[in-house]
């Protein structure tokens, strides 16, 4: 039976370049069974022209999991969508929010906010090749656009072609003059505008993204009427704080995850990764924040940072790092 991505989208971990790879997602899934996880953005040209289908690899344990695509050619995006659906993803998401120069030069990401008709053509082509949910992640506007004018029109065009779920990063993107990092912090957040979009488009499932740093803040957004909350950097740097209680606090389950047990559950996964030629730090770099704010956290991070890059490093390195935490907690 297909996982219900829409139900899971009540809380999601944002797609983040160089961060939300398959090892990160496997870890996050051990912390939360119910949260929707996203891949890093994968470009349609890389899949269709470059044949880089290895970018679609994921573990069956990651579900519910969504593939985020970047692109602006409807035919190419449709072909990439088909590849993603055939690979088993529960949702295919179109990136209309990334502000990087690299992305702009390929005419995709946030620059597409200026071309709502093209975006509609893209998602229509994507929907025609699959029954999997096709969704969009966008900003409230770019550059000199007036968000309260452009965002409703943008959403309306998407609704007209059958899009039912949109994640909105509640900041503008400045395509000239700000770096991608600055675009995550400097443009002011406009949560009230996103709340207004939910009131104006009640039939759509709208998630809010941008600056959300805790589950308490997520609850506040849900209380304002949002259907879902997407958390980015906080979920990566403080995964236990955000995800270990999410199933209970957001989805109504009756259990929390224990980060010590999660580390132990990662050991067989690490063993398999190493036997396939992988390196330990490819997995452990995502685990550094597991004990953030807890006794032994600094020693855990330091030990893994110093030892996980060594050629012979294996699961025993993680076990040794964990002892710093268990001893500190005793």
C-alpha atoms as a PDB file:
ATOM      1  CA  UNK A   1       0.000   0.000   0.000  1.00  0.00           C
ATOM      2  CA  UNK A   2       1.268   3.451  -0.933  1.00  0.00           C
ATOM      3  CA  UNK A   3       2.405   5.667   1.906  1.00  0.00           C
ATOM      4  CA  UNK A   4       0.207   8.696   2.428  1.00  0.00           C
ATOM      5  CA  UNK A   5       2.561  11.585   1.696  1.00  0.00           C
ATOM      6  CA  UNK A   6      -0.165  14.151   2.295  1.00  0.00           C
ATOM      7  CA  UNK A   7      -0.812  12.853   5.809  1.00  0.00           C
ATOM      8  CA  UNK A   8       2.933  12.778   6.502  1.00  0.00           C
ATOM      9  CA  UNK A   9       3.291  16.373   5.222  1.00  0.00           C
ATOM     10  CA  UNK A  10       1.825  17.643   8.506  1.00  0.00           C
ATOM     11  CA  UNK A  11       5.530  17.756   9.398  1.00  0.00           C
ATOM     12  CA  UNK A  12       8.344  17.471   6.871  1.00  0.00           C
ATOM     13  CA  UNK A  13      12.109  17.884   6.723  1.00  0.00           C
ATOM     14  CA  UNK A  14      12.998  20.332   3.966  1.00  0.00           C
ATOM     15  CA  UNK A  15      15.081  19.331   0.939  1.00  0.00           C
ATOM     16  CA  UNK A  16      18.590  20.694   1.568  1.00  0.00           C
ATOM     17  CA  UNK A  17      21.480  20.495  -0.872  1.00  0.00           C
ATOM     18  CA  UNK A  18      24.458  18.453   0.372  1.00  0.00           C
ATOM     19  CA  UNK A  19      22.554  17.569   3.541  1.00  0.00           C
ATOM     20  CA  UNK A  20      19.408  15.479   3.014  1.00  0.00           C
ATOM     21  CA  UNK A  21      21.083  12.614   1.211  1.00  0.00           C
ATOM     22  CA  UNK A  22      19.991   9.003   1.666  1.00  0.00           C
ATOM     23  CA  UNK A  23      22.148   8.462   4.770  1.00  0.00           C
ATOM     24  CA  UNK A  24      20.642  11.524   6.427  1.00  0.00           C
ATOM     25  CA  UNK A  25      17.127  10.368   5.555  1.00  0.00           C
ATOM     26  CA  UNK A  26      17.726   6.880   6.956  1.00  0.00           C
ATOM     27  CA  UNK A  27      18.834   8.450  10.232  1.00  0.00           C
ATOM     28  CA  UNK A  28      15.853  10.807  10.315  1.00  0.00           C
ATOM     29  CA  UNK A  29      13.471   7.938   9.677  1.00  0.00           C
ATOM     30  CA  UNK A  30      14.771   6.107  12.729  1.00  0.00           C
ATOM     31  CA  UNK A  31      13.956   9.224  14.763  1.00  0.00           C
ATOM     32  CA  UNK A  32      10.450   9.615  13.293  1.00  0.00           C
ATOM     33  CA  UNK A  33       8.301   7.039  11.526  1.00  0.00           C
ATOM     34  CA  UNK A  34       5.702   9.550  10.340  1.00  0.00           C
ATOM     35  CA  UNK A  35       7.483  12.728   9.202  1.00  0.00           C
ATOM     36  CA  UNK A  36       7.725  13.295   5.437  1.00  0.00           C
ATOM     37  CA  UNK A  37      11.335  13.300   4.221  1.00  0.00           C
ATOM     38  CA  UNK A  38      12.652  14.994   1.077  1.00  0.00           C
ATOM     39  CA  UNK A  39      15.661  14.302  -1.114  1.00  0.00           C
ATOM     40  CA  UNK A  40      18.149  16.968  -2.018  1.00  0.00           C
ATOM     41  CA  UNK A  41      17.117  18.698  -5.232  1.00  0.00           C
ATOM     42  CA  UNK A  42      17.935  16.488  -8.229  1.00  0.00           C
ATOM     43  CA  UNK A  43      17.959  18.253 -11.589  1.00  0.00           C
ATOM     44  CA  UNK A  44      15.882  16.838 -14.411  1.00  0.00           C
ATOM     45  CA  UNK A  45      18.758  17.328 -16.911  1.00  0.00           C
ATOM     46  CA  UNK A  46      21.069  15.230 -14.696  1.00  0.00           C
ATOM     47  CA  UNK A  47      18.566  12.367 -14.750  1.00  0.00           C
ATOM     48  CA  UNK A  48      17.351  12.599 -18.328  1.00  0.00           C
ATOM     49  CA  UNK A  49      20.361  13.860 -20.247  1.00  0.00           C
ATOM     50  CA  UNK A  50      23.085  12.765 -17.834  1.00  0.00           C
ATOM     51  CA  UNK A  51      21.649   9.360 -17.004  1.00  0.00           C
ATOM     52  CA  UNK A  52      22.479   9.927 -13.328  1.00  0.00           C
ATOM     53  CA  UNK A  53      19.791   7.551 -12.061  1.00  0.00           C
ATOM     54  CA  UNK A  54      22.026   6.644  -9.099  1.00  0.00           C
ATOM     55  CA  UNK A  55      20.765   9.936  -7.628  1.00  0.00           C
ATOM     56  CA  UNK A  56      17.399   8.231  -7.136  1.00  0.00           C
ATOM     57  CA  UNK A  57      18.786   5.497  -4.883  1.00  0.00           C
ATOM     58  CA  UNK A  58      17.087   5.260  -1.519  1.00  0.00           C
ATOM     59  CA  UNK A  59      16.353   2.700   1.157  1.00  0.00           C
ATOM     60  CA  UNK A  60      12.863   1.231   1.407  1.00  0.00           C
ATOM     61  CA  UNK A  61      12.940   2.186   5.092  1.00  0.00           C
ATOM     62  CA  UNK A  62      12.890   5.888   4.158  1.00  0.00           C
ATOM     63  CA  UNK A  63       9.207   5.962   3.169  1.00  0.00           C
ATOM     64  CA  UNK A  64       7.253   8.201   3.141  1.00  0.00           C
ATOM     65  CA  UNK A  65       9.858  10.030   1.048  1.00  0.00           C
ATOM     66  CA  UNK A  66       9.550  12.683  -1.660  1.00  0.00           C
ATOM     67  CA  UNK A  67      11.834  13.407  -4.610  1.00  0.00           C
ATOM     68  CA  UNK A  68      12.502  17.070  -5.314  1.00  0.00           C
ATOM     69  CA  UNK A  69      13.240  17.922  -8.934  1.00  0.00           C
ATOM     70  CA  UNK A  70      14.760  21.049 -10.444  1.00  0.00           C
ATOM     71  CA  UNK A  71      14.110  22.043 -14.034  1.00  0.00           C
ATOM     72  CA  UNK A  72      12.042  24.202 -16.348  1.00  0.00           C
ATOM     73  CA  UNK A  73      11.477  22.069 -19.431  1.00  0.00           C
ATOM     74  CA  UNK A  74       8.091  20.319 -19.276  1.00  0.00           C
ATOM     75  CA  UNK A  75       9.180  17.366 -21.434  1.00  0.00           C
ATOM     76  CA  UNK A  76      12.355  16.804 -19.440  1.00  0.00           C
ATOM     77  CA  UNK A  77      10.563  17.193 -16.099  1.00  0.00           C
ATOM     78  CA  UNK A  78       7.932  14.678 -17.202  1.00  0.00           C
ATOM     79  CA  UNK A  79      10.665  12.164 -18.066  1.00  0.00           C
ATOM     80  CA  UNK A  80      12.394  12.779 -14.710  1.00  0.00           C
ATOM     81  CA  UNK A  81       9.060  12.441 -12.893  1.00  0.00           C
ATOM     82  CA  UNK A  82       8.492   9.070 -14.544  1.00  0.00           C
ATOM     83  CA  UNK A  83      11.928   7.924 -13.400  1.00  0.00           C
ATOM     84  CA  UNK A  84      11.216   9.093  -9.857  1.00  0.00           C
ATOM     85  CA  UNK A  85       7.798   7.446  -9.724  1.00  0.00           C
ATOM     86  CA  UNK A  86       9.226   4.196 -11.098  1.00  0.00           C
ATOM     87  CA  UNK A  87      11.921   4.369  -8.395  1.00  0.00           C
ATOM     88  CA  UNK A  88       9.146   4.304  -5.800  1.00  0.00           C
ATOM     89  CA  UNK A  89       8.983   7.860  -4.440  1.00  0.00           C
ATOM     90  CA  UNK A  90       5.746   8.826  -2.680  1.00  0.00           C
ATOM     91  CA  UNK A  91       5.742  12.388  -4.035  1.00  0.00           C
ATOM     92  CA  UNK A  92       7.478  14.354  -6.776  1.00  0.00           C
ATOM     93  CA  UNK A  93       8.126  17.991  -5.842  1.00  0.00           C
ATOM     94  CA  UNK A  94       9.116  20.810  -8.214  1.00  0.00           C
ATOM     95  CA  UNK A  95      11.619  23.313  -6.815  1.00  0.00           C
ATOM     96  CA  UNK A  96      10.498  26.902  -7.394  1.00  0.00           C
ATOM     97  CA  UNK A  97      12.383  28.273  -4.416  1.00  0.00           C
ATOM     98  CA  UNK A  98      16.146  27.700  -4.650  1.00  0.00           C
ATOM     99  CA  UNK A  99      17.947  31.034  -5.194  1.00  0.00           C
ATOM    100  CA  UNK A 100      21.429  29.813  -6.136  1.00  0.00           C
ATOM    101  CA  UNK A 101      23.258  31.204  -9.180  1.00  0.00           C
ATOM    102  CA  UNK A 102      23.891  27.666 -10.370  1.00  0.00           C
ATOM    103  CA  UNK A 103      20.152  27.058 -10.388  1.00  0.00           C
ATOM    104  CA  UNK A 104      19.250  30.367 -12.043  1.00  0.00           C
ATOM    105  CA  UNK A 105      21.630  29.700 -14.926  1.00  0.00           C
ATOM    106  CA  UNK A 106      19.587  26.582 -15.647  1.00  0.00           C
ATOM    107  CA  UNK A 107      16.373  28.641 -15.447  1.00  0.00           C
ATOM    108  CA  UNK A 108      14.892  26.812 -12.525  1.00  0.00           C
ATOM    109  CA  UNK A 109      14.434  27.342  -8.840  1.00  0.00           C
ATOM    110  CA  UNK A 110      13.143  30.666  -7.497  1.00  0.00           C
ATOM    111  CA  UNK A 111      13.553  32.476 -10.816  1.00  0.00           C
ATOM    112  CA  UNK A 112      10.504  30.489 -11.991  1.00  0.00           C
ATOM    113  CA  UNK A 113       8.337  32.626  -9.677  1.00  0.00           C
ATOM    114  CA  UNK A 114       8.542  35.118 -12.553  1.00  0.00           C
ATOM    115  CA  UNK A 115       7.054  32.572 -14.993  1.00  0.00           C
ATOM    116  CA  UNK A 116       3.901  31.089 -13.404  1.00  0.00           C
ATOM    117  CA  UNK A 117       2.522  29.919 -16.755  1.00  0.00           C
ATOM    118  CA  UNK A 118       5.705  27.936 -17.458  1.00  0.00           C
ATOM    119  CA  UNK A 119       5.505  26.400 -13.974  1.00  0.00           C
ATOM    120  CA  UNK A 120       1.908  25.371 -14.688  1.00  0.00           C
ATOM    121  CA  UNK A 121       2.996  23.757 -17.960  1.00  0.00           C
ATOM    122  CA  UNK A 122       5.760  21.898 -16.130  1.00  0.00           C
ATOM    123  CA  UNK A 123       3.578  20.478 -13.372  1.00  0.00           C
ATOM    124  CA  UNK A 124       0.842  19.562 -15.840  1.00  0.00           C
ATOM    125  CA  UNK A 125       3.355  17.555 -17.868  1.00  0.00           C
ATOM    126  CA  UNK A 126       4.623  15.932 -14.650  1.00  0.00           C
ATOM    127  CA  UNK A 127       1.106  14.977 -13.544  1.00  0.00           C
ATOM    128  CA  UNK A 128       0.318  13.373 -16.888  1.00  0.00           C
ATOM    129  CA  UNK A 129       2.952  10.656 -16.459  1.00  0.00           C
ATOM    130  CA  UNK A 130       2.184   9.500 -12.905  1.00  0.00           C
ATOM    131  CA  UNK A 131      -0.477   8.960 -10.265  1.00  0.00           C
ATOM    132  CA  UNK A 132       2.043   9.928  -7.566  1.00  0.00           C
ATOM    133  CA  UNK A 133       1.381  13.319  -5.929  1.00  0.00           C
ATOM    134  CA  UNK A 134       3.061  16.191  -7.792  1.00  0.00           C
ATOM    135  CA  UNK A 135       3.692  19.166  -5.508  1.00  0.00           C
ATOM    136  CA  UNK A 136       5.488  22.533  -5.591  1.00  0.00           C
ATOM    137  CA  UNK A 137       7.838  24.287  -3.162  1.00  0.00           C
ATOM    138  CA  UNK A 138       8.067  28.035  -3.726  1.00  0.00           C
ATOM    139  CA  UNK A 139       8.963  31.400  -2.202  1.00  0.00           C
ATOM    140  CA  UNK A 140       6.506  34.266  -1.609  1.00  0.00           C
ATOM    141  CA  UNK A 141       8.143  36.155  -4.465  1.00  0.00           C
ATOM    142  CA  UNK A 142      11.487  37.234  -5.921  1.00  0.00           C
ATOM    143  CA  UNK A 143      13.368  40.513  -6.297  1.00  0.00           C
ATOM    144  CA  UNK A 144      11.044  43.504  -6.693  1.00  0.00           C
ATOM    145  CA  UNK A 145       7.848  41.456  -6.894  1.00  0.00           C
ATOM    146  CA  UNK A 146       5.133  42.400  -4.421  1.00  0.00           C
ATOM    147  CA  UNK A 147       4.361  39.094  -2.645  1.00  0.00           C
ATOM    148  CA  UNK A 148       0.770  39.958  -1.737  1.00  0.00           C
ATOM    149  CA  UNK A 149       0.085  40.415  -5.465  1.00  0.00           C
ATOM    150  CA  UNK A 150       2.179  37.696  -7.097  1.00  0.00           C
ATOM    151  CA  UNK A 151       1.735  34.840  -4.610  1.00  0.00           C
ATOM    152  CA  UNK A 152      -2.070  34.530  -4.908  1.00  0.00           C
ATOM    153  CA  UNK A 153      -1.807  34.589  -8.705  1.00  0.00           C
ATOM    154  CA  UNK A 154       0.950  31.985  -8.643  1.00  0.00           C
ATOM    155  CA  UNK A 155      -1.036  29.679  -6.355  1.00  0.00           C
ATOM    156  CA  UNK A 156      -4.183  30.188  -8.417  1.00  0.00           C
ATOM    157  CA  UNK A 157      -2.419  29.059 -11.596  1.00  0.00           C
ATOM    158  CA  UNK A 158      -1.164  25.935  -9.837  1.00  0.00           C
ATOM    159  CA  UNK A 159      -4.608  25.153  -8.450  1.00  0.00           C
ATOM    160  CA  UNK A 160      -6.089  25.526 -11.929  1.00  0.00           C
ATOM    161  CA  UNK A 161      -3.885  22.703 -13.250  1.00  0.00           C
ATOM    162  CA  UNK A 162      -4.718  20.384 -10.368  1.00  0.00           C
ATOM    163  CA  UNK A 163      -1.918  20.936  -7.863  1.00  0.00           C
ATOM    164  CA  UNK A 164      -3.248  20.128  -4.401  1.00  0.00           C
ATOM    165  CA  UNK A 165      -0.190  20.633  -2.184  1.00  0.00           C
ATOM    166  CA  UNK A 166       2.265  23.530  -1.997  1.00  0.00           C
ATOM    167  CA  UNK A 167       5.055  24.287   0.483  1.00  0.00           C
ATOM    168  CA  UNK A 168       5.710  28.005   0.839  1.00  0.00           C
ATOM    169  CA  UNK A 169       8.998  29.406   2.144  1.00  0.00           C
ATOM    170  CA  UNK A 170       7.769  32.603   3.778  1.00  0.00           C
ATOM    171  CA  UNK A 171      10.619  34.780   2.445  1.00  0.00           C
ATOM    172  CA  UNK A 172      11.295  36.477  -0.843  1.00  0.00           C
ATOM    173  CA  UNK A 173      14.383  35.388  -2.751  1.00  0.00           C
ATOM    174  CA  UNK A 174      16.763  38.061  -3.984  1.00  0.00           C
ATOM    175  CA  UNK A 175      18.319  36.627  -7.121  1.00  0.00           C
ATOM    176  CA  UNK A 176      20.864  39.444  -7.436  1.00  0.00           C
ATOM    177  CA  UNK A 177      22.977  40.666  -4.551  1.00  0.00           C
ATOM    178  CA  UNK A 178      22.363  37.942  -1.963  1.00  0.00           C
ATOM    179  CA  UNK A 179      24.033  34.548  -1.712  1.00  0.00           C
ATOM    180  CA  UNK A 180      21.917  31.399  -1.193  1.00  0.00           C
ATOM    181  CA  UNK A 181      22.995  31.443   2.479  1.00  0.00           C
ATOM    182  CA  UNK A 182      21.954  35.099   2.854  1.00  0.00           C
ATOM    183  CA  UNK A 183      18.657  34.309   1.139  1.00  0.00           C
ATOM    184  CA  UNK A 184      17.857  31.935   4.020  1.00  0.00           C
ATOM    185  CA  UNK A 185      18.278  34.683   6.634  1.00  0.00           C
ATOM    186  CA  UNK A 186      18.166  38.258   5.347  1.00  0.00           C
ATOM    187  CA  UNK A 187      14.812  38.627   3.528  1.00  0.00           C
ATOM    188  CA  UNK A 188      12.211  39.080   6.301  1.00  0.00           C
ATOM    189  CA  UNK A 189       9.767  36.297   7.061  1.00  0.00           C
ATOM    190  CA  UNK A 190       6.126  37.023   6.282  1.00  0.00           C
ATOM    191  CA  UNK A 191       4.177  34.303   8.059  1.00  0.00           C
ATOM    192  CA  UNK A 192       0.878  36.299   8.033  1.00  0.00           C
ATOM    193  CA  UNK A 193       0.877  36.330   4.217  1.00  0.00           C
ATOM    194  CA  UNK A 194       1.212  32.533   4.120  1.00  0.00           C
ATOM    195  CA  UNK A 195      -1.608  32.193   6.685  1.00  0.00           C
ATOM    196  CA  UNK A 196      -3.708  34.413   4.432  1.00  0.00           C
ATOM    197  CA  UNK A 197      -3.027  32.109   1.470  1.00  0.00           C
ATOM    198  CA  UNK A 198      -4.460  29.207   3.488  1.00  0.00           C
ATOM    199  CA  UNK A 199      -7.607  31.263   4.149  1.00  0.00           C
ATOM    200  CA  UNK A 200      -7.825  32.274   0.475  1.00  0.00           C
ATOM    201  CA  UNK A 201      -7.227  28.727  -0.829  1.00  0.00           C
ATOM    202  CA  UNK A 202      -8.936  26.476   1.745  1.00  0.00           C
ATOM    203  CA  UNK A 203      -9.074  23.464  -0.594  1.00  0.00           C
ATOM    204  CA  UNK A 204      -5.281  23.319  -0.930  1.00  0.00           C
ATOM    205  CA  UNK A 205      -2.884  21.604   1.472  1.00  0.00           C
ATOM    206  CA  UNK A 206      -0.401  24.363   2.311  1.00  0.00           C
ATOM    207  CA  UNK A 207       2.779  23.878   4.353  1.00  0.00           C
ATOM    208  CA  UNK A 208       4.800  26.760   5.776  1.00  0.00           C
ATOM    209  CA  UNK A 209       8.606  26.820   5.695  1.00  0.00           C
ATOM    210  CA  UNK A 210      11.309  29.216   6.789  1.00  0.00           C
ATOM    211  CA  UNK A 211      12.835  29.947  10.169  1.00  0.00           C
ATOM    212  CA  UNK A 212      10.987  27.220  12.068  1.00  0.00           C
ATOM    213  CA  UNK A 213      13.330  26.141  14.864  1.00  0.00           C
ATOM    214  CA  UNK A 214      11.257  23.932  17.184  1.00  0.00           C
ATOM    215  CA  UNK A 215       8.200  21.699  17.441  1.00  0.00           C
ATOM    216  CA  UNK A 216       6.595  24.389  19.617  1.00  0.00           C
ATOM    217  CA  UNK A 217       6.849  26.796  16.682  1.00  0.00           C
ATOM    218  CA  UNK A 218       5.450  24.105  14.387  1.00  0.00           C
ATOM    219  CA  UNK A 219       2.439  23.779  16.703  1.00  0.00           C
ATOM    220  CA  UNK A 220       1.902  27.535  16.491  1.00  0.00           C
ATOM    221  CA  UNK A 221       1.781  27.420  12.688  1.00  0.00           C
ATOM    222  CA  UNK A 222      -0.634  24.487  12.735  1.00  0.00           C
ATOM    223  CA  UNK A 223      -2.798  26.395  15.208  1.00  0.00           C
ATOM    224  CA  UNK A 224      -2.923  29.267  12.702  1.00  0.00           C
ATOM    225  CA  UNK A 225      -4.593  26.897  10.258  1.00  0.00           C
ATOM    226  CA  UNK A 226      -1.643  25.654   8.222  1.00  0.00           C
ATOM    227  CA  UNK A 227      -1.914  22.050   7.016  1.00  0.00           C
ATOM    228  CA  UNK A 228       1.757  21.329   7.423  1.00  0.00           C
ATOM    229  CA  UNK A 229       5.091  22.687   8.621  1.00  0.00           C
ATOM    230  CA  UNK A 230       8.431  22.123   6.891  1.00  0.00           C
ATOM    231  CA  UNK A 231      11.567  22.402   9.038  1.00  0.00           C
ATOM    232  CA  UNK A 232      15.019  22.742   7.513  1.00  0.00           C
ATOM    233  CA  UNK A 233      18.277  23.524   9.299  1.00  0.00           C
ATOM    234  CA  UNK A 234      16.938  22.941  12.826  1.00  0.00           C
ATOM    235  CA  UNK A 235      15.937  19.389  11.893  1.00  0.00           C
ATOM    236  CA  UNK A 236      19.426  18.768  10.569  1.00  0.00           C
ATOM    237  CA  UNK A 237      21.497  20.349  13.362  1.00  0.00           C
ATOM    238  CA  UNK A 238      19.185  19.245  16.209  1.00  0.00           C
ATOM    239  CA  UNK A 239      17.539  16.119  14.797  1.00  0.00           C
ATOM    240  CA  UNK A 240      16.651  14.613  18.174  1.00  0.00           C
ATOM    241  CA  UNK A 241      14.955  17.793  19.438  1.00  0.00           C
ATOM    242  CA  UNK A 242      12.837  18.079  16.301  1.00  0.00           C
ATOM    243  CA  UNK A 243      12.185  14.481  15.274  1.00  0.00           C
ATOM    244  CA  UNK A 244      12.388  12.157  18.277  1.00  0.00           C
ATOM    245  CA  UNK A 245       9.069  13.368  19.733  1.00  0.00           C
ATOM    246  CA  UNK A 246       7.397  14.384  16.451  1.00  0.00           C
ATOM    247  CA  UNK A 247       5.392  11.177  16.058  1.00  0.00           C
ATOM    248  CA  UNK A 248       3.758  11.761  19.419  1.00  0.00           C
ATOM    249  CA  UNK A 249       3.485  15.549  19.394  1.00  0.00           C
ATOM    250  CA  UNK A 250       2.439  16.060  15.763  1.00  0.00           C
ATOM    251  CA  UNK A 251       0.959  12.746  14.641  1.00  0.00           C
ATOM    252  CA  UNK A 252      -0.585  11.430  17.866  1.00  0.00           C
ATOM    253  CA  UNK A 253       1.547   8.291  18.260  1.00  0.00           C
ATOM    254  CA  UNK A 254       2.398   7.010  21.734  1.00  0.00           C
ATOM    255  CA  UNK A 255       6.173   6.573  21.579  1.00  0.00           C
ATOM    256  CA  UNK A 256       9.298   8.716  21.305  1.00  0.00           C
ATOM    257  CA  UNK A 257      12.646   7.740  19.806  1.00  0.00           C
ATOM    258  CA  UNK A 258      15.742   7.343  21.995  1.00  0.00           C
ATOM    259  CA  UNK A 259      18.867   8.747  20.277  1.00  0.00           C
ATOM    260  CA  UNK A 260      21.108   6.147  21.967  1.00  0.00           C
ATOM    261  CA  UNK A 261      18.978   3.365  20.482  1.00  0.00           C
ATOM    262  CA  UNK A 262      18.987   5.172  17.138  1.00  0.00           C
ATOM    263  CA  UNK A 263      22.792   5.127  17.109  1.00  0.00           C
ATOM    264  CA  UNK A 264      22.703   1.393  17.810  1.00  0.00           C
ATOM    265  CA  UNK A 265      20.161   0.914  14.995  1.00  0.00           C
ATOM    266  CA  UNK A 266      22.501   2.768  12.625  1.00  0.00           C
ATOM    267  CA  UNK A 267      25.326   0.245  13.167  1.00  0.00           C
ATOM    268  CA  UNK A 268      24.017  -2.490  10.796  1.00  0.00           C
ATOM    269  CA  UNK A 269      23.276   0.191   8.185  1.00  0.00           C
ATOM    270  CA  UNK A 270      26.839   1.512   8.525  1.00  0.00           C
ATOM    271  CA  UNK A 271      28.226  -2.027   8.214  1.00  0.00           C
ATOM    272  CA  UNK A 272      26.392  -2.542   4.909  1.00  0.00           C
ATOM    273  CA  UNK A 273      27.515   0.873   3.641  1.00  0.00           C
ATOM    274  CA  UNK A 274      31.147   0.017   4.376  1.00  0.00           C
ATOM    275  CA  UNK A 275      30.955  -3.413   2.705  1.00  0.00           C
ATOM    276  CA  UNK A 276      29.661  -1.635  -0.401  1.00  0.00           C
ATOM    277  CA  UNK A 277      32.785   0.523  -0.499  1.00  0.00           C
ATOM    278  CA  UNK A 278      31.429   3.537   1.364  1.00  0.00           C
ATOM    279  CA  UNK A 279      33.240   5.560   4.016  1.00  0.00           C
ATOM    280  CA  UNK A 280      32.143   5.938   7.627  1.00  0.00           C
ATOM    281  CA  UNK A 281      32.078   9.737   7.671  1.00  0.00           C
ATOM    282  CA  UNK A 282      29.607   9.769   4.745  1.00  0.00           C
ATOM    283  CA  UNK A 283      27.068   8.530   7.294  1.00  0.00           C
ATOM    284  CA  UNK A 284      28.348   9.922  10.592  1.00  0.00           C
ATOM    285  CA  UNK A 285      28.528  13.545   9.378  1.00  0.00           C
ATOM    286  CA  UNK A 286      24.724  13.535   9.625  1.00  0.00           C
ATOM    287  CA  UNK A 287      24.835  12.132  13.173  1.00  0.00           C
ATOM    288  CA  UNK A 288      26.940  14.865  14.793  1.00  0.00           C
ATOM    289  CA  UNK A 289      23.941  16.770  16.141  1.00  0.00           C
ATOM    290  CA  UNK A 290      22.126  13.768  17.629  1.00  0.00           C
ATOM    291  CA  UNK A 291      22.966  14.735  21.216  1.00  0.00           C
ATOM    292  CA  UNK A 292      22.975  18.523  20.802  1.00  0.00           C
ATOM    293  CA  UNK A 293      22.434  20.182  24.161  1.00  0.00           C
ATOM    294  CA  UNK A 294      22.846  16.907  26.069  1.00  0.00           C
ATOM    295  CA  UNK A 295      25.689  15.736  28.357  1.00  0.00           C
ATOM    296  CA  UNK A 296      28.587  14.355  26.338  1.00  0.00           C
ATOM    297  CA  UNK A 297      27.487  16.010  23.088  1.00  0.00           C
ATOM    298  CA  UNK A 298      30.745  17.865  22.530  1.00  0.00           C
ATOM    299  CA  UNK A 299      32.866  14.760  23.149  1.00  0.00           C
ATOM    300  CA  UNK A 300      30.603  12.755  20.793  1.00  0.00           C
ATOM    301  CA  UNK A 301      31.044  15.315  18.021  1.00  0.00           C
ATOM    302  CA  UNK A 302      34.776  15.658  18.561  1.00  0.00           C
ATOM    303  CA  UNK A 303      35.416  11.909  18.605  1.00  0.00           C
ATOM    304  CA  UNK A 304      33.443  11.294  15.422  1.00  0.00           C
ATOM    305  CA  UNK A 305      34.968  14.309  13.664  1.00  0.00           C
ATOM    306  CA  UNK A 306      38.512  13.166  14.506  1.00  0.00           C
ATOM    307  CA  UNK A 307      38.149   9.421  13.947  1.00  0.00           C
ATOM    308  CA  UNK A 308      35.399   8.772  11.360  1.00  0.00           C
ATOM    309  CA  UNK A 309      37.576   9.998   8.479  1.00  0.00           C
ATOM    310  CA  UNK A 310      40.358   7.464   9.154  1.00  0.00           C
ATOM    311  CA  UNK A 311      40.703   4.753   6.481  1.00  0.00           C
ATOM    312  CA  UNK A 312      39.963   1.834   8.824  1.00  0.00           C
ATOM    313  CA  UNK A 313      37.126   3.548  10.711  1.00  0.00           C
ATOM    314  CA  UNK A 314      34.076   1.339  11.191  1.00  0.00           C
ATOM    315  CA  UNK A 315      31.086   0.777  13.492  1.00  0.00           C
ATOM    316  CA  UNK A 316      33.417   0.412  16.488  1.00  0.00           C
ATOM    317  CA  UNK A 317      34.303   4.101  16.048  1.00  0.00           C
ATOM    318  CA  UNK A 318      30.656   5.022  16.539  1.00  0.00           C
ATOM    319  CA  UNK A 319      30.378   2.713  19.558  1.00  0.00           C
ATOM    320  CA  UNK A 320      33.440   4.395  21.106  1.00  0.00           C
ATOM    321  CA  UNK A 321      31.965   7.854  20.463  1.00  0.00           C
ATOM    322  CA  UNK A 322      28.680   6.787  22.030  1.00  0.00           C
ATOM    323  CA  UNK A 323      30.454   5.824  25.261  1.00  0.00           C
ATOM    324  CA  UNK A 324      31.217   9.531  25.806  1.00  0.00           C
ATOM    325  CA  UNK A 325      27.471  10.165  25.873  1.00  0.00           C
ATOM    326  CA  UNK A 326      26.423   7.192  27.994  1.00  0.00           C
ATOM    327  CA  UNK A 327      29.178   7.877  30.532  1.00  0.00           C
ATOM    328  CA  UNK A 328      28.211  11.557  30.773  1.00  0.00           C
ATOM    329  CA  UNK A 329      24.571  10.610  31.326  1.00  0.00           C
ATOM    330  CA  UNK A 330      25.332   7.984  34.010  1.00  0.00           C
END
